[in-house]
Protein backbone atom coordinates (compact mmCIF):
# COMPACT_ATOMS: atom_id res chain seq x y z
CA UNK A 1 2.26 5.16 16.80
CA UNK A 2 1.00 2.99 13.96
CA UNK A 3 4.52 1.96 12.98
CA UNK A 4 5.74 1.42 16.56
CA UNK A 5 2.82 -0.92 17.13
CA UNK A 6 3.80 -3.13 14.20
CA UNK A 7 7.50 -3.07 15.16
CA UNK A 8 6.62 -4.05 18.73
CA UNK A 9 4.87 -7.17 17.44
CA UNK A 10 7.79 -8.09 15.17
CA UNK A 11 10.31 -7.49 17.96
CA UNK A 12 8.37 -9.52 20.55
CA UNK A 13 7.91 -12.37 18.10
CA UNK A 14 11.60 -12.31 17.14
CA UNK A 15 12.85 -12.28 20.73
CA UNK A 16 10.36 -14.55 22.48
CA UNK A 17 8.02 -16.01 19.85
CA UNK A 18 5.24 -14.03 21.56
CA UNK A 19 2.48 -11.87 20.08
CA UNK A 20 2.18 -9.87 23.31
CA UNK A 21 3.79 -6.43 23.15
CA UNK A 22 3.71 -5.53 26.86
CA UNK A 23 7.32 -4.19 27.11
CA UNK A 24 6.77 -1.72 24.24
CA UNK A 25 3.10 -0.83 24.48
CA UNK A 26 3.86 2.69 25.71
CA UNK A 27 5.17 3.68 22.28
CA UNK A 28 1.75 3.39 20.65
CA UNK A 29 -1.86 4.40 21.16
CA UNK A 30 -2.96 1.78 18.60
CA UNK A 31 -3.37 -1.05 21.08
CA UNK A 32 -5.46 -4.03 22.08
CA UNK A 33 -5.79 -4.95 25.71
CA UNK A 34 -7.04 -8.42 26.60
CA UNK A 35 -6.67 -10.54 29.75
CA UNK A 36 -4.02 -8.27 31.23
CA UNK A 37 -1.78 -8.09 28.14
CA UNK A 38 -1.27 -5.68 25.26
CA UNK A 39 -1.42 -6.71 21.61
CA UNK A 40 -1.02 -5.05 18.23
CA UNK A 41 -4.48 -4.03 17.01
CA UNK A 42 -3.40 -3.92 13.36
CA UNK A 43 -3.52 -6.78 10.90
CA UNK A 44 -0.16 -8.45 11.55
CA UNK A 45 0.91 -9.29 7.99
CA UNK A 46 3.34 -6.37 7.68
CA UNK A 47 4.94 -7.19 11.04
CA UNK A 48 5.66 -10.76 9.95
CA UNK A 49 7.02 -9.62 6.58
CA UNK A 50 9.36 -7.30 8.48
CA UNK A 51 10.72 -10.05 10.73
CA UNK A 52 13.97 -10.60 8.76
CA UNK A 53 14.64 -6.87 8.68
CA UNK A 54 13.80 -6.28 12.33
CA UNK A 55 15.73 -9.40 13.32
CA UNK A 56 18.82 -8.24 11.42
CA UNK A 57 18.60 -4.77 12.96
CA UNK A 58 18.15 -6.26 16.45
CA UNK A 59 21.22 -8.45 15.90
CA UNK A 60 23.25 -5.36 15.00
CA UNK A 61 22.04 -3.56 18.13
CA UNK A 62 22.77 -6.64 20.22
CA UNK A 63 26.34 -6.82 18.89
CA UNK A 64 26.77 -3.15 19.78
CA UNK A 65 25.40 -3.72 23.29
CA UNK A 66 22.43 -1.42 22.71
CA UNK A 67 19.40 -3.62 23.38
CA UNK A 68 18.96 -2.97 27.11
CA UNK A 69 16.86 0.20 26.75
CA UNK A 70 14.55 -0.68 23.85
CA UNK A 71 11.52 -0.19 26.11
CA UNK A 72 12.59 3.30 27.28
CA UNK A 73 11.57 6.70 25.95
CA UNK A 74 14.08 9.11 24.49
CA UNK A 75 14.95 11.44 27.40
CA UNK A 76 15.26 14.39 25.02
CA UNK A 77 11.54 14.22 24.31
CA UNK A 78 10.34 13.03 27.71
CA UNK A 79 8.48 16.27 28.46
CA UNK A 80 6.39 16.15 25.26
CA UNK A 81 2.75 15.11 25.29
CA UNK A 82 3.69 12.08 23.15
CA UNK A 83 7.22 10.97 24.13
CA UNK A 84 9.32 9.38 21.42
CA UNK A 85 11.00 5.97 21.46
CA UNK A 86 14.73 5.97 22.04
CA UNK A 87 17.17 6.00 19.14
CA UNK A 88 17.73 2.22 19.28
CA UNK A 89 14.01 1.50 18.90
CA UNK A 90 13.91 4.04 16.06
CA UNK A 91 16.63 2.03 14.35
CA UNK A 92 14.20 -0.89 14.35
CA UNK A 93 11.47 1.41 13.00
CA UNK A 94 13.67 2.28 10.03
CA UNK A 95 14.54 -1.38 9.43
CA UNK A 96 10.88 -2.35 9.46
CA UNK A 97 9.98 0.43 7.06
CA UNK A 98 12.52 -0.91 4.57
CA UNK A 99 10.33 -3.95 3.88
CA UNK A 100 7.39 -1.70 2.99
CA UNK A 101 9.58 0.38 0.68
CA UNK A 102 10.98 -2.76 -0.93
CA UNK A 103 7.50 -4.13 -1.58
CA UNK A 104 6.51 -0.78 -3.09
CA UNK A 105 9.57 -0.85 -5.35
CA UNK A 106 8.66 -4.37 -6.51
CA UNK A 107 5.13 -3.11 -7.23
CA UNK A 108 6.57 -0.53 -9.64
CA UNK A 109 8.38 -3.31 -11.53
CA UNK A 110 5.27 -5.51 -11.55
CA UNK A 111 3.15 -2.66 -12.94
CA UNK A 112 5.74 -2.30 -15.71
CA UNK A 113 5.42 -6.02 -16.52
CA UNK A 114 1.62 -5.83 -16.43
CA UNK A 115 1.61 -2.95 -18.91
CA UNK A 116 3.84 -5.00 -21.21
CA UNK A 117 1.36 -7.88 -20.96
CA UNK A 118 -1.31 -5.44 -22.16
CA UNK A 119 0.80 -4.86 -25.27
CA UNK A 120 2.15 -1.44 -24.29
CA UNK A 121 5.50 -0.20 -25.53
CA UNK A 122 8.37 -0.05 -23.06
CA UNK A 123 8.05 3.71 -22.60
CA UNK A 124 4.34 3.49 -21.87
CA UNK A 125 5.01 0.68 -19.40
CA UNK A 126 7.77 2.69 -17.70
CA UNK A 127 5.60 5.81 -17.59
CA UNK A 128 2.70 4.13 -15.81
CA UNK A 129 4.91 2.08 -13.53
CA UNK A 130 6.56 5.29 -12.35
CA UNK A 131 3.17 6.99 -12.12
CA UNK A 132 2.00 4.30 -9.69
CA UNK A 133 5.14 4.57 -7.57
CA UNK A 134 5.77 8.32 -7.63
CA UNK A 135 2.57 10.00 -8.80
CA UNK A 136 0.06 8.49 -6.37
CA UNK A 137 -0.18 8.22 -2.58
CA UNK A 138 1.10 4.63 -2.81
CA UNK A 139 4.65 5.95 -3.07
CA UNK A 140 4.15 8.26 -0.12
CA UNK A 141 2.76 5.51 2.12
CA UNK A 142 5.56 3.19 1.01
CA UNK A 143 7.93 5.35 3.06
CA UNK A 144 6.40 4.32 6.37
CA UNK A 145 5.38 1.03 7.95
CA UNK A 146 1.62 1.24 7.42
CA UNK A 147 -0.32 -1.56 5.76
CA UNK A 148 -1.91 0.42 2.93
CA UNK A 149 0.92 0.40 0.39
CA UNK A 150 1.81 -3.30 0.89
CA UNK A 151 -1.86 -4.25 0.56
CA UNK A 152 -2.03 -2.35 -2.73
CA UNK A 153 1.16 -4.05 -3.89
CA UNK A 154 0.02 -7.57 -3.03
CA UNK A 155 -3.31 -7.05 -4.78
CA UNK A 156 -1.35 -5.85 -7.81
CA UNK A 157 0.91 -8.92 -7.64
CA UNK A 158 -2.18 -11.13 -7.50
CA UNK A 159 -3.99 -9.53 -10.44
CA UNK A 160 -0.83 -9.58 -12.56
CA UNK A 161 -0.22 -13.29 -12.01
CA UNK A 162 -3.88 -14.14 -12.49
CA UNK A 163 -4.14 -12.05 -15.65
CA UNK A 164 -1.00 -13.64 -17.09
CA UNK A 165 -2.19 -17.17 -16.36
CA UNK A 166 -5.72 -16.66 -17.70
CA UNK A 167 -4.86 -14.60 -20.78
CA UNK A 168 -1.63 -16.27 -21.90
CA UNK A 169 -1.60 -19.58 -20.05
CA UNK A 170 1.47 -21.63 -19.25
CA UNK A 171 2.44 -24.81 -21.11
CA UNK A 172 4.62 -26.17 -18.32
CA UNK A 173 2.23 -28.04 -16.01
CA UNK A 174 4.48 -27.76 -12.95
CA UNK A 175 5.12 -24.03 -13.40
CA UNK A 176 1.43 -23.33 -14.02
CA UNK A 177 0.45 -25.20 -10.87
CA UNK A 178 3.07 -23.39 -8.83
CA UNK A 179 2.03 -19.96 -10.14
CA UNK A 180 -1.64 -20.54 -9.29
CA UNK A 181 -0.64 -21.58 -5.77
CA UNK A 182 1.52 -18.45 -5.46
CA UNK A 183 -1.43 -16.35 -6.69
CA UNK A 184 -3.57 -17.79 -3.89
CA UNK A 185 -0.85 -17.12 -1.32
CA UNK A 186 -0.48 -13.52 -2.46
CA UNK A 187 -4.19 -12.71 -2.49
CA UNK A 188 -4.71 -14.35 0.91
CA UNK A 189 -1.72 -12.57 2.39
CA UNK A 190 -3.05 -9.21 1.17
CA UNK A 191 -5.92 -9.74 3.63
CA UNK A 192 -3.48 -10.42 6.46
CA UNK A 193 -1.78 -7.14 5.60
CA UNK A 194 -5.02 -5.16 5.57
CA UNK A 195 -8.36 -6.69 6.47
CA UNK A 196 -10.32 -4.51 4.02
CA UNK A 197 -8.46 -6.26 1.18
CA UNK A 198 -10.64 -9.35 1.73
CA UNK A 199 -13.39 -8.21 -0.63
CA UNK A 200 -11.07 -7.17 -3.52
CA UNK A 201 -9.04 -10.39 -3.11
CA UNK A 202 -12.17 -12.54 -3.39
CA UNK A 203 -13.45 -10.45 -6.29
CA UNK A 204 -10.16 -10.86 -8.14
CA UNK A 205 -10.43 -14.62 -7.71
CA UNK A 206 -13.94 -14.54 -9.20
CA UNK A 207 -12.72 -12.32 -12.04
CA UNK A 208 -10.10 -14.94 -12.96
CA UNK A 209 -12.89 -17.50 -13.29
CA UNK A 210 -14.81 -15.06 -15.52
CA UNK A 211 -11.70 -14.47 -17.66
CA UNK A 212 -11.12 -18.20 -18.04
CA UNK A 213 -14.76 -18.74 -18.99
CA UNK A 214 -14.53 -15.97 -21.60
CA UNK A 215 -11.38 -17.59 -23.00
CA UNK A 216 -13.20 -20.89 -23.45
CA UNK A 217 -11.52 -22.87 -20.65
CA UNK A 218 -13.18 -26.19 -19.86
CA UNK A 219 -14.87 -26.77 -16.50
CA UNK A 220 -12.10 -29.21 -15.63
CA UNK A 221 -9.39 -26.61 -16.33
CA UNK A 222 -11.19 -23.92 -14.32
CA UNK A 223 -11.77 -26.30 -11.41
CA UNK A 224 -8.11 -27.31 -11.34
CA UNK A 225 -6.76 -23.77 -11.39
CA UNK A 226 -9.23 -22.53 -8.78
CA UNK A 227 -8.31 -25.50 -6.59
CA UNK A 228 -4.61 -24.66 -6.87
CA UNK A 229 -5.33 -21.04 -5.98
CA UNK A 230 -7.29 -22.17 -2.92
CA UNK A 231 -4.41 -24.50 -1.95
CA UNK A 232 -2.22 -21.42 -1.77
CA UNK A 233 -4.76 -19.44 0.26
CA UNK A 234 -5.44 -22.15 2.86
CA UNK A 235 -2.04 -22.05 4.69
CA UNK A 236 -2.29 -18.25 5.02
CA UNK A 237 -5.86 -18.59 6.31
CA UNK A 238 -4.66 -21.14 8.88
CA UNK A 239 -1.92 -18.77 10.08
CA UNK A 240 -4.53 -16.03 10.29
CA UNK A 241 -6.85 -18.16 12.42
CA UNK A 242 -4.04 -19.41 14.67
CA UNK A 243 -2.81 -15.87 15.30
CA UNK A 244 -6.31 -14.61 16.13
CA UNK A 245 -6.89 -17.54 18.49
CA UNK A 246 -3.64 -16.98 20.37
CA UNK A 247 -4.01 -13.21 20.59
CA UNK A 248 -7.76 -12.69 20.81
CA UNK A 249 -9.25 -16.00 21.91
CA UNK A 250 -11.10 -16.92 18.73
CA UNK A 251 -10.08 -17.64 15.12
CA UNK A 252 -12.69 -15.17 13.88
CA UNK A 253 -11.96 -12.41 16.41
CA UNK A 254 -10.03 -9.35 15.18
CA UNK A 255 -7.85 -7.17 17.35
CA UNK A 256 -10.05 -4.14 16.77
CA UNK A 257 -12.59 -5.76 19.07
CA UNK A 258 -10.25 -4.96 21.99
CA UNK A 259 -8.94 -1.57 20.85
CA UNK A 260 -8.07 0.91 23.58
CA UNK A 261 -9.16 4.53 23.24
CA UNK A 262 -11.19 4.20 20.02
CA UNK A 263 -14.81 3.76 21.17
CA UNK A 264 -16.32 4.20 17.71
CA UNK A 265 -14.68 0.93 16.63
CA UNK A 266 -17.53 -0.76 18.49
CA UNK A 267 -20.12 0.82 16.16
CA UNK A 268 -21.14 -0.92 12.97
CA UNK A 269 -18.53 -3.34 11.61
CA UNK A 270 -15.40 -2.22 13.47
CA UNK A 271 -16.29 1.42 12.93
CA UNK A 272 -17.64 1.00 9.39
CA UNK A 273 -21.25 2.03 8.83
CA UNK A 274 -23.08 3.18 5.68
CA UNK A 275 -21.17 5.28 3.11
CA UNK A 276 -21.47 9.04 3.53
CA UNK A 277 -21.63 11.05 0.28
CA UNK A 278 -20.36 14.18 2.03
CA UNK A 279 -17.28 12.33 3.26
CA UNK A 280 -16.81 10.90 -0.24
CA UNK A 281 -16.82 14.44 -1.64
CA UNK A 282 -14.26 15.54 0.96
CA UNK A 283 -12.12 12.49 0.17
CA UNK A 284 -11.93 13.53 -3.46
CA UNK A 285 -12.03 17.32 -3.57
CA UNK A 286 -11.53 19.06 -0.21
CA UNK A 287 -8.33 21.02 0.39
CA UNK A 288 -7.77 19.19 3.68
CA UNK A 289 -8.44 15.61 2.57
CA UNK A 290 -8.90 15.55 -1.21
CA UNK A 291 -6.76 12.95 -2.92
CA UNK A 292 -7.15 14.62 -6.31
CA UNK A 293 -5.04 17.60 -5.20
CA UNK A 294 -2.06 15.27 -4.85
CA UNK A 295 -2.81 12.98 -7.78
CA UNK A 296 -5.24 14.74 -10.16
CA UNK A 297 -4.59 12.21 -12.93
CA UNK A 298 -6.66 9.71 -10.92
CA UNK A 299 -9.76 11.75 -11.79
CA UNK A 300 -9.60 10.31 -15.30
CA UNK A 301 -9.50 6.66 -14.22
CA UNK A 302 -13.24 5.81 -14.06
CA UNK A 303 -13.89 7.59 -17.36
CA UNK A 304 -11.11 5.69 -19.09
CA UNK A 305 -12.31 2.42 -17.54
CA UNK A 306 -15.76 3.01 -19.08
CA UNK A 307 -14.10 3.96 -22.39
CA UNK A 308 -12.07 0.74 -22.35
CA UNK A 309 -15.18 -1.33 -21.65
CA UNK A 310 -17.10 0.33 -24.51
CA UNK A 311 -14.19 -0.23 -26.90
CA UNK A 312 -13.75 -3.86 -25.85
CA UNK A 313 -10.33 -3.66 -24.15
CA UNK A 314 -10.14 -6.21 -21.33
CA UNK A 315 -13.69 -5.55 -20.18
CA UNK A 316 -13.59 -7.86 -17.17
CA UNK A 317 -10.39 -6.29 -15.87
CA UNK A 318 -11.78 -2.77 -16.26
CA UNK A 319 -14.96 -3.80 -14.45
CA UNK A 320 -12.77 -5.15 -11.64
CA UNK A 321 -10.92 -1.82 -11.47
CA UNK A 322 -14.22 0.08 -11.25
CA UNK A 323 -15.50 -2.23 -8.53
CA UNK A 324 -12.35 -1.92 -6.43
CA UNK A 325 -12.34 1.86 -6.89
CA UNK A 326 -15.95 2.13 -5.71
CA UNK A 327 -15.35 -0.33 -2.88
CA UNK A 328 -12.39 1.44 -1.28
CA UNK A 329 -13.83 4.94 -1.55
CA UNK A 330 -17.15 3.69 -0.14
CA UNK A 331 -15.39 1.96 2.76
CA UNK A 332 -13.42 5.13 3.52
CA UNK A 333 -16.54 7.28 3.48
CA UNK A 334 -18.23 4.86 5.88
CA UNK A 335 -15.35 4.60 8.36
CA UNK A 336 -15.54 6.45 11.68
CA UNK A 337 -11.88 7.51 11.62
CA UNK A 338 -11.60 8.31 7.90
CA UNK A 339 -10.03 11.74 8.53
CA UNK A 340 -7.09 10.60 10.70
CA UNK A 341 -4.34 10.89 8.15
CA UNK A 342 -1.56 13.07 6.77
CA UNK A 343 -1.76 12.81 3.00
CA UNK A 344 -5.36 12.74 1.73
CA UNK A 345 -7.27 9.64 2.94
CA UNK A 346 -4.90 6.74 3.47
CA UNK A 347 -7.57 4.05 3.54
CA UNK A 348 -8.06 4.28 -0.25
CA UNK A 349 -4.36 3.64 -0.99
CA UNK A 350 -4.88 -0.03 -1.84
CA UNK A 351 -7.02 1.06 -4.81
CA UNK A 352 -4.14 2.94 -6.47
CA UNK A 353 -2.98 0.18 -8.88
CA UNK A 354 -6.56 -0.27 -10.06
CA UNK A 355 -6.87 3.45 -10.74
CA UNK A 356 -3.71 3.44 -12.85
CA UNK A 357 -4.52 0.32 -14.93
CA UNK A 358 -7.47 1.85 -16.88
CA UNK A 359 -5.44 4.97 -17.72
CA UNK A 360 -2.55 2.84 -18.95
CA UNK A 361 -4.87 0.68 -21.05
CA UNK A 362 -6.48 3.73 -22.67
CA UNK A 363 -3.28 5.73 -23.29
CA UNK A 364 -2.33 4.40 -26.72
CA UNK A 365 -5.92 4.84 -27.95
CA UNK A 366 -6.35 8.47 -26.88
CA UNK A 367 -6.44 11.41 -29.25
CA UNK A 368 -3.77 14.10 -29.12
CA UNK A 369 -5.78 16.47 -26.92
CA UNK A 370 -6.80 13.85 -24.36
CA UNK A 371 -3.24 12.54 -24.20
CA UNK A 372 -1.94 16.08 -23.62
CA UNK A 373 -4.43 16.65 -20.79
CA UNK A 374 -3.55 13.29 -19.25
CA UNK A 375 0.17 14.07 -19.53
CA UNK A 376 -0.21 17.44 -17.82
CA UNK A 377 -2.15 15.86 -14.95
CA UNK A 378 0.59 13.22 -14.65
CA UNK A 379 3.27 15.89 -14.29
CA UNK A 380 1.25 17.68 -11.59
CA UNK A 381 0.78 14.35 -9.79
CA UNK A 382 4.52 13.62 -9.90
CA UNK A 383 5.41 17.05 -8.48
CA UNK A 384 2.79 16.96 -5.71
CA UNK A 385 3.55 13.40 -4.57
CA UNK A 386 7.33 13.84 -4.80
CA UNK A 387 7.02 16.90 -2.56
CA UNK A 388 4.82 15.00 -0.11
CA UNK A 389 7.32 12.12 0.11
CA UNK A 390 10.01 14.52 1.32
CA UNK A 391 7.97 16.55 3.82
CA UNK A 392 8.04 15.27 7.41
CA UNK A 393 4.83 13.91 8.90
CA UNK A 394 3.84 16.22 11.75
CA UNK A 395 0.81 17.42 13.67
CA UNK A 396 0.89 20.57 11.53
CA UNK A 397 0.78 18.41 8.40
CA UNK A 398 -2.08 16.32 9.74
CA UNK A 399 -4.15 19.34 10.79
CA UNK A 400 -3.41 21.57 7.80
CA UNK A 401 -6.61 22.96 6.27
CA UNK A 402 -4.99 23.06 2.84
CA UNK A 403 -2.64 20.09 2.65
CA UNK A 404 -1.34 20.59 -0.88
CA UNK A 405 -0.44 24.22 -0.16
CA UNK A 406 1.17 23.17 3.14
CA UNK A 407 3.25 20.45 1.45
CA UNK A 408 4.45 22.64 -1.41
CA UNK A 409 5.37 25.47 0.97
CA UNK A 410 7.30 23.10 3.23
CA UNK A 411 9.09 21.58 0.25
CA UNK A 412 10.04 24.90 -1.34
CA UNK A 413 11.30 26.32 1.97
CA UNK A 414 13.50 23.27 2.49
CA UNK A 415 11.66 21.56 5.35
CA UNK A 416 12.40 18.05 4.08
CA UNK A 417 13.25 14.71 5.62
CA UNK A 418 14.89 12.17 3.34
CA UNK A 419 17.93 9.91 3.33
CA UNK A 420 20.45 12.57 2.16
CA UNK A 421 19.14 14.90 4.87
CA UNK A 422 19.65 12.27 7.58
CA UNK A 423 23.18 11.75 6.29
CA UNK A 424 23.84 15.34 7.29
CA UNK A 425 23.44 17.20 4.00
CA UNK A 426 21.85 20.61 3.52
CA UNK A 427 18.11 20.31 2.87
CA UNK A 428 18.28 21.81 -0.62
CA UNK A 429 21.26 19.64 -1.48
CA UNK A 430 19.27 16.64 -0.20
CA UNK A 431 16.46 17.52 -2.62
CA UNK A 432 18.94 18.20 -5.42
CA UNK A 433 20.53 14.77 -5.09
CA UNK A 434 17.18 13.04 -5.45
CA UNK A 435 16.25 15.18 -8.44
CA UNK A 436 19.62 14.40 -10.04
CA UNK A 437 18.99 10.67 -9.56
CA UNK A 438 15.59 11.10 -11.19
CA UNK A 439 17.09 13.03 -14.10
CA UNK A 440 19.83 10.49 -14.82
CA UNK A 441 17.53 7.50 -14.39
CA UNK A 442 14.83 9.06 -16.55
CA UNK A 443 17.34 9.87 -19.29
CA UNK A 444 18.63 6.29 -19.34
CA UNK A 445 15.14 4.79 -19.35
CA UNK A 446 14.09 7.08 -22.19
CA UNK A 447 17.19 6.36 -24.23
CA UNK A 448 17.09 2.59 -24.05
CA UNK A 449 13.36 1.95 -24.24
CA UNK A 450 10.89 1.72 -27.10
CA UNK A 451 8.75 4.76 -27.99
CA UNK A 452 5.47 5.80 -26.38
CA UNK A 453 3.43 4.73 -29.38
CA UNK A 454 3.78 1.80 -31.75
């Protein structure tokens, strides 16, 4: 439903330049209804990023003469409570998901580069880049067209560029100007991907000012670089306001104001009230929703952030990581629909890069015992998240009282859905192929990279 909603917007915009999704509204319960028309109630950034992919897929369908029934249900599933889109519309769903997966893959590379900027060896950088992509829920949510993983990725892109520019600078005036503008574009676009990214994006901008001040930048230098960053953010903000005006009648009106079938969105700030400590506990530790069952290494992040601050390693950046961690988990615990998810609580996904950064920064300074404990928790996180990536999302998955046990059982018994499976291979062979790719890739990375410690 969430994905179909975003695809419907991309398809309507590609075909007619319209943000109304009337022909395809039946595929989703995540809807806005205003003045007799249906709209996507999600932040539209992912839909617009997917336009080239959806457009290419639509062109292929058009050439094959298979675009006449895109608004029809699949007759095979017509008797189900929630009918499924037809196979041609599903083809567009897959195409749209590719952009999310691509952005997630780029995030892994960017995390690698960020770790190198911190002075890590290649193996450390590779380890924590892979941990972000395959040992946290970011990798899982990068296999479907939700906004959480792209929002996390764009925030990571923004902090990496900002950190590079403030810590190392750039002697080429033109390149420096361009990179600050790109930083502003990226941070602003993260908000268009997921509205809750607005606070972290603004906080990152402020943290860059603090970093520049700590580095002894002059007021003129700081003013120039902040201005360039704002120049990048303004065009995205204008697109945001134009879209809201066309779809919802006001530049400051969000689609959630007109959501259909979600009455609690009218309470508080679009369903967000005061944080609930009980929900926070469930988000972290419960068998049904606890994120630490799938990525237990994240438990160490706030402790390592504090350790880094005490030992003087990039204090401002670690404070930013702590703030973003607290922000996203507080928002999730305050949200009316916090529990509507498959893998743990999806609304904290955008915090994943900022949970990994403190662990990566602390790694080379840990004693043998702490490093061993951290390594064991990493391995558990890899196994749990890899299993979750391959298990199909289903009502049983969503309602499972013990999600980690459910995922591992499904994985071990061969109930997987991945690319080799959809190519017609046996389920265990499908798993084996992915594991073989991991083994070969890991061996090559290990062989040709620098050691884990200097």
